[in-house]
Amino acid sequence: MLKSKFIVPIHIVDSIAQDSIYISEMIMKEQKIPKAQHITIQFGVHTHAVKVLPNQKNQGIFIHPRLAQQLGIPPLSSKSLQFDIQYMSKLSTIKLGPLLSVLINKETPEDMNKPFGVISSFCRELAETCHAVGATVYFFTPSSIPLNGTFINGWILDGEWKKRPMPLAEIIYNRLPTRQIENQAHVQRLFTQTAKKHNIFIFNERFLDKHDVFHALQDDESVKHYLPESLLLEDFSTLKYMINKYYVVYVKPVQGSLGRGIYRIISLENPKILTLEKASSTNQKPMKFSSISSLYRTFKSKLSRKQYQIQQGLSVIQVGRSPVDFRALVQKNSTGAWSITSIVARTAGNERFVANLARGGSIDTVTNTLPRTNLPQHFNAEDMLLALKRAAIAISEAIDSNIDAHFGELGVDLAIDVQGKVWLIEVNSKPSKNDNTPLRENKIRPSVRKVVSYAKYLTGFKEGRNPHGSHRVRSRRRKN
């Protein structure tokens, strides 16, 4: 459960000096804040030098309206204006917050029931969770990114959604849904120049390409046994090698998602025939080829437009004739360590060979699904669930060690073959936050709480805090 001992109300009053703040004596004692000394107060990236004076009568922190404006503290309703505080003695700084920002793609103020499209419920849950622990979150789009300055127009929840000028946050949580938007020049400038200048954490800063993940992990002893053979499909010789080696291979767009654009190639004997089938096709017979060269000609034009990965086919477990795979949501927690938030089984729809929900798949719990598959009975469902969790954690840790980017959560897709071996399918750096997520109960999701826990860890507001960004597995501030 998220909680903080130092959530305090902030009172904005004009009867005190602009360069002074009053703090209740109890808070000063517990936080070991020196009395009548000049220190720094910080909210987001904004700081201001102030003199701290004790307040013997009232609880909370009292600041002048002009100071609140300079810090960027939003003019919220009185019951909403409360923050966790952290005094960092080495820096002589009182931090209010933490302040978290979320970069999203969509804002629809004309529809305030769903102001951020399909992730609107997630945004509200995140805002409510932040409020409960003295944190603040705002949401902004690429169009709000300033050319200069440290204020940004963002949406905050104050009973209802309101758009306010907010200071750049200590953390930017990247929820942009496409590479095209993410690669826009002003977005990349925010992620590099601005983040570096103001010492901002960016997490889930970029998409992961399928081939990059497998290439980065192929020599890592801790995880390489989970990897099916995967190569970049660059020429005829690569296609020939994989088809001659494996009965089934899959060809996937390196930058694809949601099961789009995936092909399955099956080698049949007597007579020698190759079948080619696309995952997104329905009621369409597989194409047949009498040679690898004729099949390659079908792909040659595609290879000139985008990159594809060719991957060893697996004898994955099935429910009836429908393949089953597993999605683990792995997130960093309040100590900066990877942890399993959830793991579900996904069963492909009728006549499909991929289990993505977007391609007609369905989900259920792992322990409900495994007994219905063709996995031999001597494999215990609980033991297999533990094996899946271990694999997901190990793969997430290996990505931290081998890929130069900062991730706070990953969707790790796994498979189990009919011999009970766990395999990696792919890793998604933007796990779904859609409002219509199946199996979701009508309450704040554990995944939302984990985001806030990790934000508090990064900014020094939790036990095991990391105020200087020195955690060994890339829980660090953005750098070039």
Protein backbone atom coordinates (compact mmCIF):
# COMPACT_ATOMS: atom_id res chain seq x y z
CA MET A 1 0.00 0.00 0.00
CA LEU A 2 1.24 3.46 -0.86
CA LYS A 3 1.49 5.80 2.07
CA SER A 4 3.59 8.68 3.32
CA LYS A 5 4.21 10.00 6.78
CA PHE A 6 4.78 13.55 5.59
CA ILE A 7 1.73 14.53 3.54
CA VAL A 8 1.05 18.09 4.63
CA PRO A 9 -1.39 20.82 3.57
CA ILE A 10 0.02 23.84 1.76
CA HIS A 11 -1.54 27.15 2.77
CA ILE A 12 -1.15 30.11 0.45
CA VAL A 13 -1.44 33.30 2.47
CA ASP A 14 -0.43 36.88 1.71
CA SER A 15 0.23 37.86 5.35
CA ILE A 16 3.80 36.54 5.33
CA ALA A 17 6.97 37.71 3.63
CA GLN A 18 7.39 36.58 0.04
CA ASP A 19 10.83 35.07 0.67
CA SER A 20 9.87 33.18 3.84
CA ILE A 21 7.93 30.01 4.55
CA TYR A 22 6.42 28.88 7.83
CA ILE A 23 6.39 25.20 8.70
CA SER A 24 4.72 23.57 11.70
CA GLU A 25 7.22 22.68 14.40
CA MET A 26 6.28 19.00 14.39
CA ILE A 27 7.19 18.67 10.70
CA MET A 28 10.42 20.60 11.20
CA LYS A 29 11.40 18.29 14.03
CA GLU A 30 10.55 15.06 12.21
CA GLN A 31 12.27 16.16 8.99
CA LYS A 32 15.19 17.77 10.87
CA ILE A 33 14.73 21.07 9.07
CA PRO A 34 16.92 23.79 10.57
CA LYS A 35 15.11 26.82 11.97
CA ALA A 36 15.56 30.41 10.81
CA GLN A 37 17.97 29.46 8.05
CA HIS A 38 17.98 30.06 4.33
CA ILE A 39 17.34 26.91 2.34
CA THR A 40 15.88 25.97 -1.06
CA ILE A 41 12.31 24.91 -1.73
CA GLN A 42 11.65 22.83 -4.85
CA PHE A 43 8.56 21.84 -6.86
CA GLY A 44 9.27 20.02 -10.10
CA VAL A 45 12.36 21.64 -11.61
CA HIS A 46 11.53 25.01 -10.05
CA THR A 47 13.48 26.12 -7.00
CA HIS A 48 13.56 29.24 -4.84
CA ALA A 49 15.69 30.36 -1.91
CA VAL A 50 13.62 30.99 1.24
CA LYS A 51 13.99 31.51 4.96
CA VAL A 52 12.32 28.83 7.08
CA LEU A 53 10.47 29.86 10.22
CA PRO A 54 8.60 27.61 12.68
CA ASN A 55 4.85 27.80 13.15
CA GLN A 56 3.80 26.84 16.68
CA LYS A 57 0.03 26.95 16.18
CA ASN A 58 -0.93 25.54 12.80
CA GLN A 59 -0.12 22.44 10.82
CA GLY A 60 1.28 22.50 7.31
CA ILE A 61 3.42 24.84 5.23
CA PHE A 62 2.55 28.51 4.71
CA ILE A 63 3.82 30.35 1.65
CA HIS A 64 3.13 33.67 -0.08
CA PRO A 65 0.99 33.66 -3.28
CA ARG A 66 3.87 35.12 -5.29
CA LEU A 67 6.20 32.34 -4.15
CA ALA A 68 3.57 29.74 -5.04
CA GLN A 69 3.33 31.28 -8.49
CA GLN A 70 7.09 31.26 -8.97
CA LEU A 71 7.31 27.62 -7.95
CA GLY A 72 4.40 26.73 -10.24
CA ILE A 73 2.17 25.35 -7.50
CA PRO A 74 -1.25 25.17 -9.18
CA PRO A 75 -4.18 27.11 -7.67
CA LEU A 76 -6.13 24.03 -6.61
CA SER A 77 -9.03 23.82 -4.21
CA SER A 78 -7.98 23.91 -0.55
CA LYS A 79 -8.65 20.21 0.09
CA SER A 80 -6.54 19.24 -2.92
CA LEU A 81 -3.55 21.39 -2.03
CA GLN A 82 -1.40 18.96 -0.09
CA PHE A 83 2.00 17.51 -0.79
CA ASP A 84 4.45 14.97 0.47
CA ILE A 85 7.62 16.70 1.62
CA GLN A 86 11.20 15.54 1.81
CA TYR A 87 14.04 17.51 3.36
CA MET A 88 17.42 16.71 1.83
CA SER A 89 19.95 17.95 4.33
CA LYS A 90 22.98 17.57 2.05
CA LEU A 91 21.37 19.90 -0.49
CA SER A 92 19.60 22.09 2.11
CA THR A 93 16.44 21.60 0.06
CA ILE A 94 12.79 20.94 0.87
CA LYS A 95 11.12 19.10 -1.98
CA LEU A 96 7.36 19.20 -2.49
CA GLY A 97 5.86 16.40 -4.49
CA PRO A 98 6.91 14.47 -6.29
CA LEU A 99 5.69 16.09 -9.48
CA LEU A 100 5.12 13.57 -12.28
CA SER A 101 4.14 14.39 -15.87
CA VAL A 102 2.75 12.01 -18.48
CA LEU A 103 3.27 12.62 -22.18
CA ILE A 104 0.18 11.49 -24.08
CA ASN A 105 -0.99 11.97 -27.64
CA LYS A 106 -4.66 12.85 -27.34
CA GLU A 107 -6.68 15.54 -25.60
CA THR A 108 -10.37 16.06 -26.36
CA PRO A 109 -11.66 18.90 -24.14
CA GLU A 110 -14.96 18.76 -26.01
CA ASP A 111 -15.59 15.36 -24.40
CA MET A 112 -14.67 15.68 -20.73
CA ASN A 113 -16.02 12.20 -19.99
CA LYS A 114 -13.07 10.85 -21.99
CA PRO A 115 -10.68 13.79 -22.31
CA PHE A 116 -7.71 11.55 -23.18
CA GLY A 117 -9.39 8.93 -25.33
CA VAL A 118 -9.08 5.26 -24.40
CA ILE A 119 -6.62 5.94 -21.55
CA SER A 120 -8.90 8.42 -19.74
CA SER A 121 -9.69 6.04 -16.87
CA PHE A 122 -6.01 5.27 -16.43
CA CYS A 123 -5.26 9.00 -16.24
CA ARG A 124 -7.91 9.53 -13.57
CA GLU A 125 -6.68 6.54 -11.55
CA LEU A 126 -3.13 7.88 -11.70
CA ALA A 127 -4.25 11.35 -10.60
CA GLU A 128 -6.30 9.94 -7.69
CA THR A 129 -3.43 7.70 -6.58
CA CYS A 130 -1.01 10.61 -6.66
CA HIS A 131 -3.35 12.79 -4.61
CA ALA A 132 -3.67 10.06 -1.96
CA VAL A 133 0.10 10.05 -1.38
CA GLY A 134 0.84 13.75 -1.68
CA ALA A 135 2.15 13.56 -5.25
CA THR A 136 0.96 15.60 -8.23
CA VAL A 137 0.58 14.48 -11.82
CA TYR A 138 -0.31 16.33 -14.97
CA PHE A 139 -0.83 15.18 -18.56
CA PHE A 140 0.39 16.97 -21.65
CA THR A 141 0.62 16.44 -25.40
CA PRO A 142 3.46 17.13 -27.86
CA SER A 143 1.71 20.32 -28.97
CA SER A 144 2.16 21.73 -25.43
CA ILE A 145 5.94 21.30 -25.37
CA PRO A 146 7.48 24.79 -25.02
CA LEU A 147 10.31 26.00 -27.21
CA ASN A 148 11.87 27.70 -24.20
CA GLY A 149 11.15 28.15 -20.52
CA THR A 150 10.19 25.74 -17.78
CA PHE A 151 6.39 26.03 -17.77
CA ILE A 152 4.16 23.69 -19.73
CA ASN A 153 0.38 23.62 -20.20
CA GLY A 154 -0.88 20.40 -18.64
CA TRP A 155 -4.11 18.82 -17.46
CA ILE A 156 -4.55 18.28 -13.71
CA LEU A 157 -7.44 16.76 -11.80
CA ASP A 158 -9.03 19.13 -9.28
CA GLY A 159 -12.49 17.63 -8.92
CA GLU A 160 -12.65 17.99 -12.69
CA TRP A 161 -9.98 18.20 -15.36
CA LYS A 162 -8.41 21.64 -15.70
CA LYS A 163 -5.61 22.87 -17.92
CA ARG A 164 -2.98 24.87 -16.05
CA PRO A 165 0.57 26.15 -16.57
CA MET A 166 2.75 23.66 -14.71
CA PRO A 167 6.50 23.51 -14.10
CA LEU A 168 8.52 20.89 -15.89
CA ALA A 169 8.30 17.79 -13.73
CA GLU A 170 11.20 15.80 -12.33
CA ILE A 171 9.82 12.80 -14.22
CA ILE A 172 8.34 12.46 -17.69
CA TYR A 173 6.48 9.19 -18.22
CA ASN A 174 6.31 8.59 -21.97
CA ARG A 175 2.97 7.17 -23.11
CA LEU A 176 3.12 8.23 -26.76
CA PRO A 177 1.49 5.46 -28.81
CA THR A 178 3.52 5.54 -32.03
CA ARG A 179 7.13 5.85 -33.13
CA GLN A 180 6.18 8.54 -35.63
CA ILE A 181 4.92 10.88 -32.91
CA GLU A 182 7.76 9.97 -30.56
CA ASN A 183 10.38 10.82 -33.20
CA GLN A 184 9.09 14.34 -33.85
CA ALA A 185 11.89 16.88 -33.46
CA HIS A 186 10.33 18.83 -30.58
CA VAL A 187 9.59 15.60 -28.64
CA GLN A 188 13.17 14.42 -29.04
CA ARG A 189 14.43 17.86 -28.00
CA LEU A 190 12.39 17.50 -24.79
CA PHE A 191 13.82 14.02 -24.17
CA THR A 192 17.43 15.07 -24.75
CA GLN A 193 18.30 18.75 -24.48
CA THR A 194 15.59 19.88 -22.04
CA ALA A 195 15.77 16.74 -19.87
CA LYS A 196 19.54 16.95 -19.66
CA LYS A 197 19.53 20.66 -18.84
CA HIS A 198 17.05 20.25 -15.96
CA ASN A 199 18.14 16.80 -14.74
CA ILE A 200 14.80 15.18 -15.58
CA PHE A 201 14.09 11.45 -15.46
CA ILE A 202 12.50 10.06 -18.64
CA PHE A 203 11.13 6.57 -18.32
CA ASN A 204 9.83 4.34 -21.08
CA GLU A 205 11.63 6.84 -23.23
CA ARG A 206 11.37 4.88 -26.48
CA PHE A 207 9.91 1.89 -28.28
CA LEU A 208 11.82 -1.36 -28.48
CA ASP A 209 12.42 -2.93 -31.88
CA LYS A 210 12.03 -6.70 -31.97
CA HIS A 211 15.39 -7.36 -33.58
CA ASP A 212 17.23 -4.95 -31.27
CA VAL A 213 15.94 -6.83 -28.21
CA PHE A 214 16.99 -10.27 -29.47
CA HIS A 215 20.33 -8.97 -30.71
CA ALA A 216 21.04 -7.26 -27.37
CA LEU A 217 20.15 -10.35 -25.31
CA GLN A 218 21.62 -13.12 -27.46
CA ASP A 219 24.91 -13.26 -25.56
CA ASP A 220 23.50 -12.69 -22.08
CA GLU A 221 23.99 -15.94 -20.17
CA SER A 222 21.09 -15.20 -17.83
CA VAL A 223 18.45 -15.15 -20.58
CA LYS A 224 19.77 -16.47 -23.90
CA HIS A 225 18.19 -19.89 -23.25
CA TYR A 226 14.77 -18.18 -23.50
CA LEU A 227 15.44 -16.88 -27.01
CA PRO A 228 14.26 -18.69 -30.13
CA GLU A 229 16.66 -18.20 -33.03
CA SER A 230 15.88 -14.81 -34.60
CA LEU A 231 17.59 -13.07 -37.49
CA LEU A 232 17.09 -9.90 -39.45
CA LEU A 233 15.58 -10.94 -42.79
CA GLU A 234 17.86 -9.11 -45.17
CA ASP A 235 18.24 -11.47 -48.14
CA PHE A 236 17.36 -14.77 -49.73
CA SER A 237 20.12 -16.69 -47.94
CA THR A 238 18.67 -15.82 -44.51
CA LEU A 239 15.20 -17.00 -45.54
CA LYS A 240 16.61 -20.22 -47.02
CA TYR A 241 18.69 -20.94 -43.92
CA MET A 242 15.75 -20.57 -41.53
CA ILE A 243 13.26 -22.51 -43.66
CA ASN A 244 15.69 -25.39 -44.14
CA LYS A 245 16.41 -25.48 -40.41
CA TYR A 246 12.86 -25.17 -39.00
CA TYR A 247 9.55 -26.72 -39.98
CA VAL A 248 7.78 -23.45 -39.07
CA VAL A 249 9.13 -19.89 -39.07
CA TYR A 250 7.52 -16.54 -38.37
CA VAL A 251 8.28 -13.30 -40.20
CA LYS A 252 7.50 -10.17 -38.18
CA PRO A 253 7.87 -6.44 -38.81
CA VAL A 254 10.72 -5.22 -36.62
CA GLN A 255 8.61 -2.24 -35.54
CA GLY A 256 5.22 -3.93 -35.58
CA SER A 257 2.71 -4.21 -32.74
CA LEU A 258 -0.67 -5.78 -31.91
CA GLY A 259 0.11 -8.76 -34.14
CA ARG A 260 -0.01 -6.67 -37.30
CA GLY A 261 1.89 -7.83 -40.36
CA ILE A 262 3.05 -11.20 -38.98
CA TYR A 263 3.46 -14.10 -41.42
CA ARG A 264 3.77 -17.82 -40.77
CA ILE A 265 5.66 -20.08 -43.15
CA ILE A 266 5.18 -23.85 -42.94
CA SER A 267 7.27 -26.39 -44.85
CA LEU A 268 5.23 -29.39 -46.03
CA GLU A 269 6.68 -32.63 -47.41
CA ASN A 270 5.41 -35.04 -50.07
CA PRO A 271 5.26 -33.00 -52.21
CA LYS A 272 7.52 -30.18 -51.05
CA ILE A 273 5.25 -27.16 -50.56
CA LEU A 274 5.68 -23.95 -48.59
CA THR A 275 2.58 -22.24 -47.22
CA LEU A 276 2.47 -18.55 -46.34
CA GLU A 277 -0.26 -17.17 -44.09
CA LYS A 278 -0.79 -13.67 -42.68
CA ALA A 279 -1.93 -13.29 -39.07
CA SER A 280 -4.47 -10.56 -39.81
CA SER A 281 -6.20 -12.46 -42.62
CA THR A 282 -9.56 -14.12 -42.02
CA ASN A 283 -11.24 -16.73 -44.22
CA GLN A 284 -8.31 -16.50 -46.59
CA LYS A 285 -6.51 -19.62 -47.73
CA PRO A 286 -2.74 -19.74 -47.26
CA MET A 287 -0.64 -19.00 -50.31
CA LYS A 288 1.34 -21.98 -51.61
CA PHE A 289 4.81 -22.02 -53.16
CA SER A 290 6.83 -24.81 -54.70
CA SER A 291 10.21 -23.27 -53.85
CA ILE A 292 11.90 -20.95 -51.39
CA SER A 293 12.96 -18.66 -54.24
CA SER A 294 9.39 -18.14 -55.41
CA LEU A 295 8.30 -17.41 -51.83
CA TYR A 296 11.17 -14.94 -51.42
CA ARG A 297 9.99 -12.99 -54.43
CA THR A 298 6.76 -12.31 -52.52
CA PHE A 299 8.74 -10.73 -49.67
CA LYS A 300 11.37 -8.92 -51.70
CA SER A 301 9.23 -5.83 -52.31
CA LYS A 302 8.21 -5.73 -48.64
CA LEU A 303 11.84 -5.80 -47.49
CA SER A 304 12.54 -2.65 -49.45
CA ARG A 305 9.87 -0.78 -47.45
CA LYS A 306 10.40 -2.04 -43.89
CA GLN A 307 12.58 -4.36 -41.84
CA TYR A 308 11.46 -7.85 -40.89
CA GLN A 309 12.66 -10.35 -38.33
CA ILE A 310 12.50 -14.07 -39.09
CA GLN A 311 12.10 -16.29 -36.06
CA GLN A 312 12.19 -19.97 -35.23
CA GLY A 313 8.72 -21.47 -34.93
CA LEU A 314 7.81 -23.11 -31.64
CA SER A 315 5.53 -26.02 -30.77
CA VAL A 316 3.59 -23.87 -28.31
CA ILE A 317 0.88 -25.30 -26.11
CA GLN A 318 -2.69 -24.97 -27.36
CA VAL A 319 -6.28 -25.00 -26.18
CA GLY A 320 -7.85 -27.18 -28.83
CA ARG A 321 -6.21 -25.87 -31.99
CA SER A 322 -5.66 -22.35 -30.66
CA PRO A 323 -2.12 -21.35 -29.60
CA VAL A 324 -1.62 -19.90 -26.11
CA ASP A 325 0.93 -17.32 -25.01
CA PHE A 326 1.43 -15.20 -21.90
CA ARG A 327 1.75 -11.46 -21.23
CA ALA A 328 3.62 -10.42 -18.08
CA LEU A 329 3.44 -6.81 -16.95
CA VAL A 330 6.78 -6.15 -15.24
CA GLN A 331 7.29 -2.85 -13.40
CA LYS A 332 9.89 -1.26 -11.19
CA ASN A 333 8.71 -0.86 -7.61
CA SER A 334 9.36 1.39 -4.63
CA THR A 335 12.97 0.17 -4.37
CA GLY A 336 13.71 0.45 -8.09
CA ALA A 337 13.66 -3.34 -8.61
CA TRP A 338 11.72 -5.18 -11.31
CA SER A 339 8.61 -6.95 -10.02
CA ILE A 340 5.67 -8.82 -11.54
CA THR A 341 2.44 -6.83 -11.45
CA SER A 342 0.31 -9.27 -13.44
CA ILE A 343 0.57 -12.17 -15.83
CA VAL A 344 -2.25 -13.50 -18.01
CA ALA A 345 -2.72 -16.26 -20.55
CA ARG A 346 -3.86 -15.29 -24.05
CA THR A 347 -5.58 -17.79 -26.32
CA ALA A 348 -5.75 -17.13 -30.05
CA GLY A 349 -9.12 -16.73 -31.73
CA ASN A 350 -10.52 -19.25 -34.19
CA GLU A 351 -8.26 -19.92 -37.18
CA ARG A 352 -5.62 -17.51 -35.84
CA PHE A 353 -2.00 -18.22 -35.00
CA VAL A 354 -1.33 -15.14 -32.85
CA ALA A 355 -3.00 -14.55 -29.49
CA ASN A 356 -3.10 -10.73 -29.42
CA LEU A 357 -6.43 -9.37 -28.21
CA ALA A 358 -6.42 -7.01 -31.20
CA ARG A 359 -6.41 -10.10 -33.46
CA GLY A 360 -9.41 -11.74 -31.75
CA GLY A 361 -7.66 -13.46 -28.86
CA SER A 362 -9.06 -13.90 -25.34
CA ILE A 363 -7.43 -13.82 -21.92
CA ASP A 364 -7.77 -15.68 -18.65
CA THR A 365 -5.61 -16.48 -15.65
CA VAL A 366 -2.60 -18.72 -16.14
CA THR A 367 -3.81 -21.32 -13.65
CA ASN A 368 -7.23 -21.52 -15.32
CA THR A 369 -5.77 -21.86 -18.79
CA LEU A 370 -2.87 -24.31 -18.39
CA PRO A 371 -5.00 -27.36 -17.38
CA ARG A 372 -7.02 -26.87 -20.59
CA THR A 373 -3.96 -27.03 -22.84
CA ASN A 374 -2.00 -29.95 -24.28
CA LEU A 375 0.84 -29.39 -21.79
CA PRO A 376 1.63 -32.83 -20.28
CA GLN A 377 -0.14 -33.34 -16.97
CA HIS A 378 3.04 -33.80 -14.95
CA PHE A 379 3.72 -30.06 -15.36
CA ASN A 380 2.12 -28.32 -12.39
CA ALA A 381 0.31 -25.05 -13.24
CA GLU A 382 1.70 -23.21 -10.22
CA ASP A 383 5.26 -24.30 -11.07
CA MET A 384 4.83 -23.12 -14.67
CA LEU A 385 3.46 -19.79 -13.45
CA LEU A 386 6.57 -19.38 -11.30
CA ALA A 387 8.78 -20.24 -14.30
CA LEU A 388 7.03 -17.58 -16.38
CA LYS A 389 7.52 -14.98 -13.66
CA ARG A 390 11.21 -15.82 -13.30
CA ALA A 391 11.69 -15.52 -17.04
CA ALA A 392 9.91 -12.16 -17.21
CA ILE A 393 12.00 -10.71 -14.38
CA ALA A 394 15.27 -12.03 -15.82
CA ILE A 395 14.47 -10.65 -19.28
CA SER A 396 13.56 -7.24 -17.86
CA GLU A 397 16.78 -7.10 -15.88
CA ALA A 398 18.75 -8.13 -18.96
CA ILE A 399 17.16 -5.33 -21.00
CA ASP A 400 18.25 -2.88 -18.30
CA SER A 401 21.78 -4.23 -18.52
CA ASN A 402 22.08 -4.43 -22.30
CA ILE A 403 19.94 -1.64 -23.79
CA ASP A 404 20.83 2.00 -23.23
CA ALA A 405 17.43 3.36 -22.27
CA HIS A 406 15.43 3.88 -19.09
CA PHE A 407 12.33 1.71 -18.67
CA GLY A 408 9.98 1.64 -15.69
CA GLU A 409 7.62 -0.99 -17.07
CA LEU A 410 7.65 -3.64 -19.80
CA GLY A 411 5.15 -6.01 -21.33
CA VAL A 412 7.00 -9.32 -21.74
CA ASP A 413 5.34 -11.83 -24.07
CA LEU A 414 6.26 -15.45 -23.38
CA ALA A 415 5.35 -18.90 -24.66
CA ILE A 416 5.54 -22.44 -23.29
CA ASP A 417 6.22 -25.32 -25.66
CA VAL A 418 4.85 -28.86 -25.35
CA GLN A 419 8.03 -29.91 -23.50
CA GLY A 420 7.35 -27.28 -20.82
CA LYS A 421 10.15 -24.91 -21.88
CA VAL A 422 9.58 -21.14 -21.55
CA TRP A 423 10.44 -18.92 -24.54
CA LEU A 424 10.53 -15.18 -25.17
CA ILE A 425 8.27 -13.92 -27.98
CA GLU A 426 8.82 -10.17 -27.73
CA VAL A 427 9.03 -7.22 -25.33
CA ASN A 428 6.73 -4.19 -25.45
CA SER A 429 7.88 -0.92 -23.85
CA LYS A 430 4.37 0.62 -24.00
CA PRO A 431 2.04 -1.89 -22.29
CA SER A 432 -1.62 -1.11 -22.84
CA LYS A 433 -3.43 1.28 -20.48
CA ASN A 434 -6.70 1.18 -22.39
CA ASP A 435 -9.91 1.60 -20.41
CA ASN A 436 -11.40 -1.61 -21.84
CA THR A 437 -8.64 -3.92 -20.58
CA PRO A 438 -10.25 -7.35 -19.94
CA LEU A 439 -10.21 -8.88 -16.44
CA ARG A 440 -9.99 -5.41 -14.95
CA GLU A 441 -11.94 -4.79 -11.76
CA ASN A 442 -13.58 -1.44 -11.10
CA LYS A 443 -10.85 -0.06 -8.88
CA ILE A 444 -7.42 1.49 -9.11
CA ARG A 445 -5.13 -0.96 -10.85
CA PRO A 446 -1.99 -2.24 -9.10
CA SER A 447 -0.08 -1.15 -12.23
CA VAL A 448 -1.07 2.46 -11.53
CA ARG A 449 0.13 2.24 -7.93
CA LYS A 450 3.46 0.85 -9.15
CA VAL A 451 3.98 3.85 -11.44
CA VAL A 452 3.56 6.20 -8.48
CA SER A 453 5.75 4.06 -6.22
CA TYR A 454 8.54 4.13 -8.77
CA ALA A 455 8.15 7.88 -9.31
CA LYS A 456 8.50 8.42 -5.56
CA TYR A 457 11.57 6.20 -5.49
CA LEU A 458 13.26 8.09 -8.33
CA THR A 459 12.65 11.46 -6.73
CA GLY A 460 13.61 10.48 -3.18
CA PHE A 461 10.19 10.32 -1.52
CA LYS A 462 10.21 6.66 -0.41
CA GLU A 463 12.33 4.33 1.68
CA GLY A 464 15.18 3.09 -0.47
CA ARG A 465 15.06 6.49 -2.14
CA ASN A 466 17.42 7.43 -4.90
CA PRO A 467 17.62 11.25 -4.81
CA HIS A 468 20.76 11.43 -6.97
CA GLY A 469 19.73 8.95 -9.67
CA SER A 470 22.53 6.49 -8.94
CA HIS A 471 20.65 3.18 -8.99
CA ARG A 472 22.75 0.63 -10.81
CA VAL A 473 20.17 -0.63 -13.34
CA ARG A 474 19.51 2.54 -15.30
CA SER A 475 17.08 4.15 -12.88
CA ARG A 476 18.89 7.30 -13.84
CA ARG A 477 18.24 10.70 -15.20
CA ARG A 478 18.38 11.23 -18.94
CA LYS A 479 21.80 11.74 -20.43
CA ASN A 480 23.31 11.79 -23.90
